[in-house]
Amino acid sequence: MKFVFSGLILFSVFVGFFTGRMNEVSNAAIASCSKAVEIILALVGSIALWGGLMRVAEKSGLTDKIAKLFSPILRLLFRGLNPAGKAFRAISMNLTANLLGLGNAATPLGILAVKRIAEEEHSGSTATRNMVLFVVLNTASIQLIPSTIAALRLQYGATEPLDILPAILLSSLCSVLIGILMVFALHRPFHKRLEGGSA
């Protein structure tokens, strides 16, 4: 991503220089920086609230109950992982954060989950099927409460910030189902190809 953003910045400067609109490029850059700070400040309250609730849930043992709730589904998806292990708990916490629409809070939980999966499966530097599946679920997550999007829409004047909930649920469900199917469909052929290459 750093190359993409660096390329976009360089391209903007290049076009602005050769079209004689460098002042507009400079003004846009300054205005965007100010706007970014405003958006961050608007999101801080929402992230702090839900992030704090997630911490309370973890300390109170609620995450363990959520893990048990997800356990039947996760056992089918994440084969080979210990249902009572740290990896399962981290996966459950990440899925819970994503269900609440806490993308920023879910990121450190997602990193922790991948580390726990790697430790349990002794994968080293190789991504296992469970890791790939988790990344897919984390990226194409179902959001029951899109709190971050709602906070942004509220800031920009939306009278009903959650009126997009049906569309988000439908698109999230479709992306999750397609992602899971693709992981299960492509893992075996890819794994066999790797084994054949190493042999």
C-alpha atoms as a PDB file:
ATOM      1  CA  MET A   1       0.000   0.000   0.000  1.00  0.00           C
ATOM      2  CA  LYS A   2       2.880   2.386   0.679  1.00  0.00           C
ATOM      3  CA  PHE A   3       3.890   2.164  -2.983  1.00  0.00           C
ATOM      4  CA  VAL A   4       0.321   2.861  -4.103  1.00  0.00           C
ATOM      5  CA  PHE A   5      -0.033   5.948  -1.903  1.00  0.00           C
ATOM      6  CA  SER A   6       3.468   7.168  -2.743  1.00  0.00           C
ATOM      7  CA  GLY A   7       2.665   6.759  -6.428  1.00  0.00           C
ATOM      8  CA  LEU A   8      -0.586   8.707  -6.072  1.00  0.00           C
ATOM      9  CA  ILE A   9       1.195  11.560  -4.292  1.00  0.00           C
ATOM     10  CA  LEU A  10       3.977  11.726  -6.878  1.00  0.00           C
ATOM     11  CA  PHE A  11       1.457  11.557  -9.728  1.00  0.00           C
ATOM     12  CA  SER A  12      -0.546  14.429  -8.193  1.00  0.00           C
ATOM     13  CA  VAL A  13       2.565  16.575  -7.841  1.00  0.00           C
ATOM     14  CA  PHE A  14       3.625  15.702 -11.390  1.00  0.00           C
ATOM     15  CA  VAL A  15       0.242  16.616 -12.888  1.00  0.00           C
ATOM     16  CA  GLY A  16      -0.003  19.782 -10.773  1.00  0.00           C
ATOM     17  CA  PHE A  17       3.466  20.919 -11.868  1.00  0.00           C
ATOM     18  CA  PHE A  18       2.905  20.401 -15.596  1.00  0.00           C
ATOM     19  CA  THR A  19      -0.603  21.891 -15.587  1.00  0.00           C
ATOM     20  CA  GLY A  20       0.418  24.939 -13.572  1.00  0.00           C
ATOM     21  CA  ARG A  21      -1.859  24.077 -10.640  1.00  0.00           C
ATOM     22  CA  MET A  22       0.692  23.471  -7.886  1.00  0.00           C
ATOM     23  CA  ASN A  23      -1.055  26.002  -5.632  1.00  0.00           C
ATOM     24  CA  GLU A  24      -4.242  23.924  -5.802  1.00  0.00           C
ATOM     25  CA  VAL A  25      -2.290  20.743  -5.046  1.00  0.00           C
ATOM     26  CA  SER A  26      -0.662  22.406  -2.019  1.00  0.00           C
ATOM     27  CA  ASN A  27      -3.986  23.769  -0.762  1.00  0.00           C
ATOM     28  CA  ALA A  28      -5.648  20.385  -1.184  1.00  0.00           C
ATOM     29  CA  ALA A  29      -2.834  18.676   0.745  1.00  0.00           C
ATOM     30  CA  ILE A  30      -3.117  21.129   3.651  1.00  0.00           C
ATOM     31  CA  ALA A  31      -6.924  20.930   3.712  1.00  0.00           C
ATOM     32  CA  SER A  32      -6.816  17.118   3.622  1.00  0.00           C
ATOM     33  CA  CYS A  33      -4.423  17.015   6.574  1.00  0.00           C
ATOM     34  CA  SER A  34      -6.784  19.199   8.605  1.00  0.00           C
ATOM     35  CA  LYS A  35      -9.747  17.075   7.582  1.00  0.00           C
ATOM     36  CA  ALA A  36      -7.932  13.889   8.577  1.00  0.00           C
ATOM     37  CA  VAL A  37      -7.356  15.275  12.078  1.00  0.00           C
ATOM     38  CA  GLU A  38     -11.052  16.217  12.356  1.00  0.00           C
ATOM     39  CA  ILE A  39     -12.134  12.708  11.331  1.00  0.00           C
ATOM     40  CA  ILE A  40      -9.734  11.119  13.843  1.00  0.00           C
ATOM     41  CA  LEU A  41     -11.089  13.304  16.646  1.00  0.00           C
ATOM     42  CA  ALA A  42     -14.659  12.442  15.644  1.00  0.00           C
ATOM     43  CA  LEU A  43     -13.889   8.721  15.793  1.00  0.00           C
ATOM     44  CA  VAL A  44     -11.910   8.776  19.044  1.00  0.00           C
ATOM     45  CA  GLY A  45     -15.012   8.784  21.232  1.00  0.00           C
ATOM     46  CA  SER A  46     -16.662   5.886  19.439  1.00  0.00           C
ATOM     47  CA  ILE A  47     -13.482   3.800  19.347  1.00  0.00           C
ATOM     48  CA  ALA A  48     -12.729   4.527  23.023  1.00  0.00           C
ATOM     49  CA  LEU A  49     -16.267   3.540  24.049  1.00  0.00           C
ATOM     50  CA  TRP A  50     -16.429   0.252  22.164  1.00  0.00           C
ATOM     51  CA  GLY A  51     -12.766  -0.557  22.758  1.00  0.00           C
ATOM     52  CA  GLY A  52     -13.333  -0.087  26.487  1.00  0.00           C
ATOM     53  CA  LEU A  53     -16.410  -2.297  26.375  1.00  0.00           C
ATOM     54  CA  MET A  54     -14.381  -5.001  24.628  1.00  0.00           C
ATOM     55  CA  ARG A  55     -11.759  -4.772  27.383  1.00  0.00           C
ATOM     56  CA  VAL A  56     -14.454  -5.061  30.055  1.00  0.00           C
ATOM     57  CA  ALA A  57     -15.937  -8.036  28.205  1.00  0.00           C
ATOM     58  CA  GLU A  58     -12.538  -9.722  28.165  1.00  0.00           C
ATOM     59  CA  LYS A  59     -11.909  -9.134  31.886  1.00  0.00           C
ATOM     60  CA  SER A  60     -15.433 -10.202  32.917  1.00  0.00           C
ATOM     61  CA  GLY A  61     -15.251 -13.483  31.024  1.00  0.00           C
ATOM     62  CA  LEU A  62     -17.860 -12.484  28.464  1.00  0.00           C
ATOM     63  CA  THR A  63     -15.445 -13.254  25.648  1.00  0.00           C
ATOM     64  CA  ASP A  64     -15.224 -16.835  26.904  1.00  0.00           C
ATOM     65  CA  LYS A  65     -19.007 -17.116  26.622  1.00  0.00           C
ATOM     66  CA  ILE A  66     -18.871 -15.592  23.147  1.00  0.00           C
ATOM     67  CA  ALA A  67     -16.171 -18.121  22.248  1.00  0.00           C
ATOM     68  CA  LYS A  68     -18.491 -20.921  23.348  1.00  0.00           C
ATOM     69  CA  LEU A  69     -21.284 -19.383  21.277  1.00  0.00           C
ATOM     70  CA  PHE A  70     -19.076 -19.300  18.190  1.00  0.00           C
ATOM     71  CA  SER A  71     -17.469 -22.645  18.993  1.00  0.00           C
ATOM     72  CA  PRO A  72     -19.718 -24.925  16.853  1.00  0.00           C
ATOM     73  CA  ILE A  73     -19.198 -22.756  13.765  1.00  0.00           C
ATOM     74  CA  LEU A  74     -15.507 -22.116  14.397  1.00  0.00           C
ATOM     75  CA  ARG A  75     -14.830 -25.832  14.926  1.00  0.00           C
ATOM     76  CA  LEU A  76     -16.165 -26.532  11.441  1.00  0.00           C
ATOM     77  CA  LEU A  77     -14.148 -23.727   9.888  1.00  0.00           C
ATOM     78  CA  PHE A  78     -10.891 -23.838  11.843  1.00  0.00           C
ATOM     79  CA  ARG A  79     -10.087 -27.522  11.847  1.00  0.00           C
ATOM     80  CA  GLY A  80      -7.184 -28.651  13.983  1.00  0.00           C
ATOM     81  CA  LEU A  81      -7.285 -25.761  16.454  1.00  0.00           C
ATOM     82  CA  ASN A  82      -7.922 -26.385  20.131  1.00  0.00           C
ATOM     83  CA  PRO A  83     -11.419 -25.005  20.995  1.00  0.00           C
ATOM     84  CA  ALA A  84     -10.151 -24.142  24.491  1.00  0.00           C
ATOM     85  CA  GLY A  85      -6.898 -22.621  23.247  1.00  0.00           C
ATOM     86  CA  LYS A  86      -5.667 -19.039  23.021  1.00  0.00           C
ATOM     87  CA  ALA A  87      -6.035 -18.983  19.243  1.00  0.00           C
ATOM     88  CA  PHE A  88      -9.755 -19.758  19.444  1.00  0.00           C
ATOM     89  CA  ARG A  89     -10.267 -17.050  22.059  1.00  0.00           C
ATOM     90  CA  ALA A  90      -8.394 -14.457  19.978  1.00  0.00           C
ATOM     91  CA  ILE A  91     -10.401 -15.410  16.878  1.00  0.00           C
ATOM     92  CA  SER A  92     -13.663 -15.069  18.831  1.00  0.00           C
ATOM     93  CA  MET A  93     -12.676 -11.635  20.160  1.00  0.00           C
ATOM     94  CA  ASN A  94     -11.735 -10.454  16.682  1.00  0.00           C
ATOM     95  CA  LEU A  95     -15.019 -11.686  15.204  1.00  0.00           C
ATOM     96  CA  THR A  96     -16.930  -9.982  18.017  1.00  0.00           C
ATOM     97  CA  ALA A  97     -15.171  -6.673  17.362  1.00  0.00           C
ATOM     98  CA  ASN A  98     -15.944  -6.986  13.666  1.00  0.00           C
ATOM     99  CA  LEU A  99     -19.600  -7.818  14.379  1.00  0.00           C
ATOM    100  CA  LEU A 100     -19.805  -4.554  16.319  1.00  0.00           C
ATOM    101  CA  GLY A 101     -18.207  -2.690  13.419  1.00  0.00           C
ATOM    102  CA  LEU A 102     -15.022  -1.897  15.352  1.00  0.00           C
ATOM    103  CA  GLY A 103     -12.520  -2.222  12.539  1.00  0.00           C
ATOM    104  CA  ASN A 104      -9.834  -0.287  14.434  1.00  0.00           C
ATOM    105  CA  ALA A 105     -10.321  -2.296  17.621  1.00  0.00           C
ATOM    106  CA  ALA A 106     -10.395  -5.554  15.632  1.00  0.00           C
ATOM    107  CA  THR A 107      -6.992  -4.959  14.017  1.00  0.00           C
ATOM    108  CA  PRO A 108      -4.781  -5.645  17.083  1.00  0.00           C
ATOM    109  CA  LEU A 109      -7.042  -8.584  17.979  1.00  0.00           C
ATOM    110  CA  GLY A 110      -6.579  -9.933  14.462  1.00  0.00           C
ATOM    111  CA  ILE A 111      -2.785  -9.678  14.700  1.00  0.00           C
ATOM    112  CA  LEU A 112      -2.920 -11.486  18.046  1.00  0.00           C
ATOM    113  CA  ALA A 113      -5.122 -14.225  16.569  1.00  0.00           C
ATOM    114  CA  VAL A 114      -2.700 -14.869  13.693  1.00  0.00           C
ATOM    115  CA  LYS A 115       0.204 -15.076  16.153  1.00  0.00           C
ATOM    116  CA  ARG A 116      -1.717 -17.549  18.319  1.00  0.00           C
ATOM    117  CA  ILE A 117      -2.624 -19.690  15.286  1.00  0.00           C
ATOM    118  CA  ALA A 118       1.024 -19.722  14.185  1.00  0.00           C
ATOM    119  CA  GLU A 119       2.124 -20.770  17.671  1.00  0.00           C
ATOM    120  CA  GLU A 120      -0.449 -23.544  17.913  1.00  0.00           C
ATOM    121  CA  GLU A 121       0.174 -24.926  14.429  1.00  0.00           C
ATOM    122  CA  HIS A 122       3.969 -24.367  14.517  1.00  0.00           C
ATOM    123  CA  SER A 123       3.764 -22.886  11.040  1.00  0.00           C
ATOM    124  CA  GLY A 124       6.906 -20.753  11.147  1.00  0.00           C
ATOM    125  CA  SER A 125       6.839 -18.276   8.269  1.00  0.00           C
ATOM    126  CA  THR A 126       4.292 -20.270   6.235  1.00  0.00           C
ATOM    127  CA  ALA A 127       0.634 -19.222   6.158  1.00  0.00           C
ATOM    128  CA  THR A 128      -1.600 -22.179   6.971  1.00  0.00           C
ATOM    129  CA  ARG A 129      -5.160 -22.732   5.768  1.00  0.00           C
ATOM    130  CA  ASN A 130      -6.492 -21.552   9.122  1.00  0.00           C
ATOM    131  CA  MET A 131      -4.482 -18.347   8.845  1.00  0.00           C
ATOM    132  CA  VAL A 132      -5.738 -17.676   5.323  1.00  0.00           C
ATOM    133  CA  LEU A 133      -9.311 -18.441   6.350  1.00  0.00           C
ATOM    134  CA  PHE A 134      -9.040 -16.112   9.340  1.00  0.00           C
ATOM    135  CA  VAL A 135      -7.690 -13.265   7.200  1.00  0.00           C
ATOM    136  CA  VAL A 136     -10.592 -13.764   4.779  1.00  0.00           C
ATOM    137  CA  LEU A 137     -13.147 -13.707   7.626  1.00  0.00           C
ATOM    138  CA  ASN A 138     -11.449 -10.693   9.168  1.00  0.00           C
ATOM    139  CA  THR A 139     -11.414  -8.774   5.887  1.00  0.00           C
ATOM    140  CA  ALA A 140     -14.922  -9.700   4.716  1.00  0.00           C
ATOM    141  CA  SER A 141     -16.541  -9.555   8.131  1.00  0.00           C
ATOM    142  CA  ILE A 142     -20.241  -9.422   8.982  1.00  0.00           C
ATOM    143  CA  GLN A 143     -21.103  -6.216  10.805  1.00  0.00           C
ATOM    144  CA  LEU A 144     -24.195  -6.223  12.994  1.00  0.00           C
ATOM    145  CA  ILE A 145     -23.492  -2.711  14.270  1.00  0.00           C
ATOM    146  CA  PRO A 146     -21.353  -0.640  11.851  1.00  0.00           C
ATOM    147  CA  SER A 147     -20.428   1.849  14.568  1.00  0.00           C
ATOM    148  CA  THR A 148     -17.455   3.418  12.757  1.00  0.00           C
ATOM    149  CA  ILE A 149     -19.456   4.055   9.580  1.00  0.00           C
ATOM    150  CA  ALA A 150     -22.383   5.339  11.651  1.00  0.00           C
ATOM    151  CA  ALA A 151     -20.098   7.777  13.496  1.00  0.00           C
ATOM    152  CA  LEU A 152     -18.705   9.092  10.207  1.00  0.00           C
ATOM    153  CA  ARG A 153     -22.174   9.441   8.656  1.00  0.00           C
ATOM    154  CA  LEU A 154     -23.422  11.242  11.762  1.00  0.00           C
ATOM    155  CA  GLN A 155     -20.511  13.665  11.575  1.00  0.00           C
ATOM    156  CA  TYR A 156     -21.308  14.463   7.947  1.00  0.00           C
ATOM    157  CA  GLY A 157     -24.959  15.231   8.674  1.00  0.00           C
ATOM    158  CA  ALA A 158     -26.828  11.939   8.174  1.00  0.00           C
ATOM    159  CA  THR A 159     -30.163  12.084  10.036  1.00  0.00           C
ATOM    160  CA  GLU A 160     -30.342   8.270  10.248  1.00  0.00           C
ATOM    161  CA  PRO A 161     -26.753   6.993  10.293  1.00  0.00           C
ATOM    162  CA  LEU A 162     -27.801   3.325  10.599  1.00  0.00           C
ATOM    163  CA  ASP A 163     -30.279   3.271   7.701  1.00  0.00           C
ATOM    164  CA  ILE A 164     -27.615   1.510   5.580  1.00  0.00           C
ATOM    165  CA  LEU A 165     -27.651  -1.495   7.941  1.00  0.00           C
ATOM    166  CA  PRO A 166     -29.636  -3.876   5.624  1.00  0.00           C
ATOM    167  CA  ALA A 167     -27.275  -3.201   2.718  1.00  0.00           C
ATOM    168  CA  ILE A 168     -24.218  -3.712   4.939  1.00  0.00           C
ATOM    169  CA  LEU A 169     -25.568  -6.994   6.344  1.00  0.00           C
ATOM    170  CA  LEU A 170     -26.377  -8.353   2.876  1.00  0.00           C
ATOM    171  CA  SER A 171     -23.052  -7.365   1.317  1.00  0.00           C
ATOM    172  CA  SER A 172     -21.098  -8.630   4.354  1.00  0.00           C
ATOM    173  CA  LEU A 173     -22.892 -11.984   4.331  1.00  0.00           C
ATOM    174  CA  CYS A 174     -22.254 -12.452   0.606  1.00  0.00           C
ATOM    175  CA  SER A 175     -18.571 -11.545   0.906  1.00  0.00           C
ATOM    176  CA  VAL A 176     -18.060 -13.900   3.867  1.00  0.00           C
ATOM    177  CA  LEU A 177     -19.753 -16.849   2.160  1.00  0.00           C
ATOM    178  CA  ILE A 178     -17.843 -16.346  -1.095  1.00  0.00           C
ATOM    179  CA  GLY A 179     -14.565 -15.916   0.803  1.00  0.00           C
ATOM    180  CA  ILE A 180     -15.054 -19.137   2.789  1.00  0.00           C
ATOM    181  CA  LEU A 181     -15.985 -21.096  -0.339  1.00  0.00           C
ATOM    182  CA  MET A 182     -12.918 -19.802  -2.182  1.00  0.00           C
ATOM    183  CA  VAL A 183     -10.573 -20.767   0.674  1.00  0.00           C
ATOM    184  CA  PHE A 184     -11.926 -24.321   0.821  1.00  0.00           C
ATOM    185  CA  ALA A 185     -12.005 -24.619  -2.986  1.00  0.00           C
ATOM    186  CA  LEU A 186      -8.488 -23.301  -3.631  1.00  0.00           C
ATOM    187  CA  HIS A 187      -6.553 -24.597  -0.639  1.00  0.00           C
ATOM    188  CA  ARG A 188      -6.262 -28.258  -1.664  1.00  0.00           C
ATOM    189  CA  PRO A 189      -5.172 -27.668  -5.297  1.00  0.00           C
ATOM    190  CA  PHE A 190      -2.661 -25.029  -4.175  1.00  0.00           C
ATOM    191  CA  HIS A 191      -1.351 -27.255  -1.367  1.00  0.00           C
ATOM    192  CA  LYS A 192      -0.953 -30.212  -3.761  1.00  0.00           C
ATOM    193  CA  ARG A 193       0.890 -27.996  -6.227  1.00  0.00           C
ATOM    194  CA  LEU A 194       3.307 -26.924  -3.481  1.00  0.00           C
ATOM    195  CA  GLU A 195       3.878 -30.542  -2.455  1.00  0.00           C
ATOM    196  CA  GLY A 196       4.493 -31.515  -6.058  1.00  0.00           C
ATOM    197  CA  GLY A 197       6.968 -28.652  -6.502  1.00  0.00           C
ATOM    198  CA  SER A 198       8.869 -29.540  -3.335  1.00  0.00           C
ATOM    199  CA  ALA A 199       9.001 -33.201  -4.335  1.00  0.00           C
END
